[in-house]
Amino acid sequence: MKKKLMIIEFPDAALKQTPQYATPGALKTDFAVWLYEREVLTLAQAARLCDQTRLQFQKTLKSKGVYLHYSSEDLKRDVQNM
């Protein structure tokens, strides 16, 4: 997968107040969750963005109180595949 470097600057004061969130991994994960919530990325795409498996990302979503996107079309397809 091709990657693009993105640099984001934060004020020192903001990062010092929230050190647990100030790691690159935590920021990537929160960004992936944010994009998934807004249906910009699929589950698989968001998981790849934060270097997690789909199952790991589902657990991340659960820990943050975010529900999986599951449409009526998804349900119909699952019922047909039973």
N, C-alpha and C. Protein backbone atom coordinates (compact mmCIF):
# COMPACT_ATOMS: atom_id res chain seq x y z
N MET A 1 0.84 -1.16 0.00
CA MET A 1 0.00 0.00 0.00
C MET A 1 0.90 1.24 0.00
N LYS A 2 0.58 2.17 -0.87
CA LYS A 2 1.32 3.42 -0.95
C LYS A 2 0.91 4.31 0.22
N LYS A 3 1.88 4.98 0.82
CA LYS A 3 1.60 5.85 1.96
C LYS A 3 2.07 7.26 1.68
N LYS A 4 1.42 8.21 2.32
CA LYS A 4 1.77 9.61 2.19
C LYS A 4 2.08 10.15 3.58
N LEU A 5 3.16 10.88 3.70
CA LEU A 5 3.54 11.47 4.98
C LEU A 5 2.71 12.73 5.23
N MET A 6 2.15 12.81 6.42
CA MET A 6 1.37 13.99 6.81
C MET A 6 1.90 14.46 8.16
N ILE A 7 2.22 15.71 8.25
CA ILE A 7 2.73 16.28 9.50
C ILE A 7 1.67 17.22 10.07
N ILE A 8 1.34 16.98 11.33
CA ILE A 8 0.36 17.82 12.02
C ILE A 8 1.04 18.41 13.25
N GLU A 9 0.94 19.70 13.41
CA GLU A 9 1.54 20.37 14.56
C GLU A 9 0.47 20.69 15.60
N PHE A 10 0.81 20.40 16.87
CA PHE A 10 -0.06 20.69 17.99
C PHE A 10 0.68 21.59 18.97
N PRO A 11 -0.01 22.47 19.65
CA PRO A 11 0.64 23.28 20.69
C PRO A 11 1.13 22.37 21.82
N ASP A 12 2.31 22.65 22.36
CA ASP A 12 2.86 21.85 23.45
C ASP A 12 1.89 21.74 24.62
N ALA A 13 1.23 22.83 24.95
CA ALA A 13 0.31 22.82 26.10
C ALA A 13 -0.80 21.80 25.91
N ALA A 14 -1.32 21.68 24.71
CA ALA A 14 -2.40 20.72 24.46
C ALA A 14 -1.90 19.30 24.62
N LEU A 15 -0.70 19.00 24.16
CA LEU A 15 -0.17 17.65 24.26
C LEU A 15 0.23 17.30 25.69
N LYS A 16 0.69 18.27 26.44
CA LYS A 16 1.08 18.01 27.84
C LYS A 16 -0.14 17.72 28.71
N GLN A 17 -1.28 18.28 28.36
CA GLN A 17 -2.50 18.05 29.14
C GLN A 17 -3.11 16.69 28.86
N THR A 18 -2.79 16.10 27.74
CA THR A 18 -3.38 14.81 27.36
C THR A 18 -2.30 13.85 26.84
N PRO A 19 -1.32 13.49 27.68
CA PRO A 19 -0.19 12.68 27.20
C PRO A 19 -0.59 11.30 26.68
N GLN A 20 -1.67 10.71 27.22
CA GLN A 20 -2.07 9.38 26.76
C GLN A 20 -2.59 9.40 25.33
N TYR A 21 -3.02 10.57 24.85
CA TYR A 21 -3.54 10.68 23.49
C TYR A 21 -2.51 11.27 22.53
N ALA A 22 -1.36 11.62 23.02
CA ALA A 22 -0.39 12.36 22.22
C ALA A 22 0.59 11.48 21.47
N THR A 23 0.30 10.19 21.37
CA THR A 23 1.20 9.31 20.62
C THR A 23 0.72 9.20 19.18
N PRO A 24 1.63 8.98 18.25
CA PRO A 24 1.20 8.83 16.86
C PRO A 24 0.18 7.70 16.67
N GLY A 25 0.38 6.59 17.38
CA GLY A 25 -0.55 5.46 17.25
C GLY A 25 -1.95 5.81 17.73
N ALA A 26 -2.03 6.50 18.87
CA ALA A 26 -3.34 6.89 19.40
C ALA A 26 -4.03 7.88 18.48
N LEU A 27 -3.28 8.81 17.93
CA LEU A 27 -3.87 9.79 17.01
C LEU A 27 -4.35 9.12 15.73
N LYS A 28 -3.57 8.17 15.20
CA LYS A 28 -4.00 7.45 13.99
C LYS A 28 -5.27 6.65 14.26
N THR A 29 -5.32 6.01 15.41
CA THR A 29 -6.50 5.22 15.76
C THR A 29 -7.73 6.10 15.89
N ASP A 30 -7.60 7.21 16.61
CA ASP A 30 -8.74 8.11 16.77
C ASP A 30 -9.19 8.69 15.43
N PHE A 31 -8.24 8.98 14.55
CA PHE A 31 -8.58 9.50 13.23
C PHE A 31 -9.32 8.43 12.42
N ALA A 32 -8.85 7.18 12.49
CA ALA A 32 -9.50 6.08 11.78
C ALA A 32 -10.93 5.88 12.29
N VAL A 33 -11.12 5.94 13.60
CA VAL A 33 -12.46 5.81 14.19
C VAL A 33 -13.35 6.95 13.70
N TRP A 34 -12.82 8.16 13.71
CA TRP A 34 -13.57 9.34 13.27
C TRP A 34 -14.02 9.19 11.81
N LEU A 35 -13.11 8.74 10.95
CA LEU A 35 -13.46 8.55 9.54
C LEU A 35 -14.47 7.42 9.36
N TYR A 36 -14.34 6.35 10.15
CA TYR A 36 -15.30 5.24 10.06
C TYR A 36 -16.69 5.70 10.51
N GLU A 37 -16.75 6.44 11.62
CA GLU A 37 -18.04 6.94 12.12
C GLU A 37 -18.77 7.76 11.07
N ARG A 38 -18.04 8.51 10.29
CA ARG A 38 -18.64 9.37 9.27
C ARG A 38 -18.82 8.67 7.93
N GLU A 39 -18.55 7.36 7.92
CA GLU A 39 -18.69 6.51 6.74
C GLU A 39 -17.83 6.99 5.57
N VAL A 40 -16.68 7.56 5.90
CA VAL A 40 -15.69 7.93 4.88
C VAL A 40 -14.87 6.70 4.53
N LEU A 41 -14.57 5.87 5.54
CA LEU A 41 -13.81 4.64 5.34
C LEU A 41 -14.66 3.43 5.75
N THR A 42 -14.41 2.31 5.09
CA THR A 42 -15.02 1.05 5.50
C THR A 42 -14.29 0.53 6.73
N LEU A 43 -14.83 -0.51 7.32
CA LEU A 43 -14.19 -1.13 8.48
C LEU A 43 -12.77 -1.57 8.12
N ALA A 44 -12.63 -2.24 7.00
CA ALA A 44 -11.31 -2.74 6.58
C ALA A 44 -10.33 -1.60 6.32
N GLN A 45 -10.79 -0.55 5.67
CA GLN A 45 -9.92 0.59 5.38
C GLN A 45 -9.48 1.29 6.66
N ALA A 46 -10.40 1.49 7.57
CA ALA A 46 -10.07 2.15 8.84
C ALA A 46 -9.10 1.30 9.66
N ALA A 47 -9.30 -0.01 9.66
CA ALA A 47 -8.40 -0.91 10.38
C ALA A 47 -6.99 -0.82 9.82
N ARG A 48 -6.89 -0.80 8.49
CA ARG A 48 -5.56 -0.69 7.86
C ARG A 48 -4.90 0.64 8.20
N LEU A 49 -5.68 1.70 8.26
CA LEU A 49 -5.14 3.02 8.55
C LEU A 49 -4.41 3.04 9.90
N CYS A 50 -4.96 2.34 10.88
CA CYS A 50 -4.33 2.35 12.20
C CYS A 50 -3.59 1.04 12.50
N ASP A 51 -3.24 0.31 11.45
CA ASP A 51 -2.41 -0.91 11.55
C ASP A 51 -3.02 -1.95 12.49
N GLN A 52 -4.33 -2.15 12.37
CA GLN A 52 -5.01 -3.17 13.16
C GLN A 52 -5.69 -4.16 12.21
N THR A 53 -5.97 -5.36 12.74
CA THR A 53 -6.80 -6.29 11.99
C THR A 53 -8.24 -5.80 12.10
N ARG A 54 -9.12 -6.36 11.29
CA ARG A 54 -10.53 -5.95 11.38
C ARG A 54 -11.11 -6.29 12.75
N LEU A 55 -10.74 -7.45 13.29
CA LEU A 55 -11.24 -7.83 14.61
C LEU A 55 -10.72 -6.87 15.69
N GLN A 56 -9.44 -6.53 15.62
CA GLN A 56 -8.89 -5.57 16.58
C GLN A 56 -9.62 -4.22 16.48
N PHE A 57 -9.88 -3.79 15.25
CA PHE A 57 -10.54 -2.50 15.06
C PHE A 57 -11.98 -2.55 15.56
N GLN A 58 -12.65 -3.69 15.39
CA GLN A 58 -14.00 -3.83 15.94
C GLN A 58 -13.97 -3.67 17.46
N LYS A 59 -12.95 -4.24 18.10
CA LYS A 59 -12.81 -4.10 19.55
C LYS A 59 -12.51 -2.65 19.93
N THR A 60 -11.72 -1.98 19.11
CA THR A 60 -11.43 -0.56 19.33
C THR A 60 -12.72 0.25 19.25
N LEU A 61 -13.53 -0.03 18.22
CA LEU A 61 -14.81 0.68 18.08
C LEU A 61 -15.68 0.46 19.31
N LYS A 62 -15.76 -0.79 19.75
CA LYS A 62 -16.58 -1.11 20.92
C LYS A 62 -16.09 -0.34 22.15
N SER A 63 -14.77 -0.28 22.33
CA SER A 63 -14.22 0.41 23.51
C SER A 63 -14.51 1.91 23.47
N LYS A 64 -14.76 2.44 22.28
CA LYS A 64 -15.04 3.87 22.13
C LYS A 64 -16.54 4.15 21.98
N GLY A 65 -17.36 3.08 22.10
CA GLY A 65 -18.81 3.24 22.03
C GLY A 65 -19.33 3.52 20.62
N VAL A 66 -18.60 3.05 19.61
CA VAL A 66 -19.00 3.26 18.21
C VAL A 66 -19.59 1.97 17.68
N TYR A 67 -20.75 2.06 17.07
CA TYR A 67 -21.44 0.89 16.53
C TYR A 67 -20.97 0.58 15.12
N LEU A 68 -21.03 -0.72 14.78
CA LEU A 68 -20.70 -1.14 13.42
C LEU A 68 -21.79 -0.67 12.46
N HIS A 69 -21.41 -0.35 11.26
CA HIS A 69 -22.38 0.01 10.21
C HIS A 69 -22.91 -1.30 9.63
N TYR A 70 -24.19 -1.52 9.76
CA TYR A 70 -24.80 -2.76 9.28
C TYR A 70 -26.16 -2.40 8.70
N SER A 71 -26.23 -2.38 7.38
CA SER A 71 -27.45 -1.93 6.71
C SER A 71 -28.45 -3.08 6.52
N SER A 72 -29.65 -2.72 6.09
CA SER A 72 -30.66 -3.74 5.80
C SER A 72 -30.21 -4.61 4.63
N GLU A 73 -29.45 -4.03 3.71
CA GLU A 73 -28.91 -4.81 2.59
C GLU A 73 -27.90 -5.84 3.10
N ASP A 74 -27.09 -5.45 4.08
CA ASP A 74 -26.15 -6.39 4.69
C ASP A 74 -26.90 -7.56 5.33
N LEU A 75 -27.99 -7.25 6.03
CA LEU A 75 -28.79 -8.28 6.67
C LEU A 75 -29.38 -9.23 5.63
N LYS A 76 -29.95 -8.69 4.56
CA LYS A 76 -30.53 -9.53 3.50
C LYS A 76 -29.48 -10.45 2.90
N ARG A 77 -28.30 -9.92 2.63
CA ARG A 77 -27.23 -10.72 2.05
C ARG A 77 -26.81 -11.83 3.02
N ASP A 78 -26.72 -11.51 4.31
CA ASP A 78 -26.34 -12.52 5.29
C ASP A 78 -27.39 -13.62 5.40
N VAL A 79 -28.66 -13.25 5.37
CA VAL A 79 -29.74 -14.24 5.44
C VAL A 79 -29.70 -15.14 4.21
N GLN A 80 -29.46 -14.59 3.04
CA GLN A 80 -29.38 -15.38 1.81
C GLN A 80 -28.20 -16.35 1.83
N ASN A 81 -27.13 -15.97 2.50
CA ASN A 81 -25.93 -16.80 2.55
C ASN A 81 -25.98 -17.86 3.64
N MET A 82 -27.06 -17.90 4.40
CA MET A 82 -27.17 -18.90 5.48
C MET A 82 -27.47 -20.26 4.93
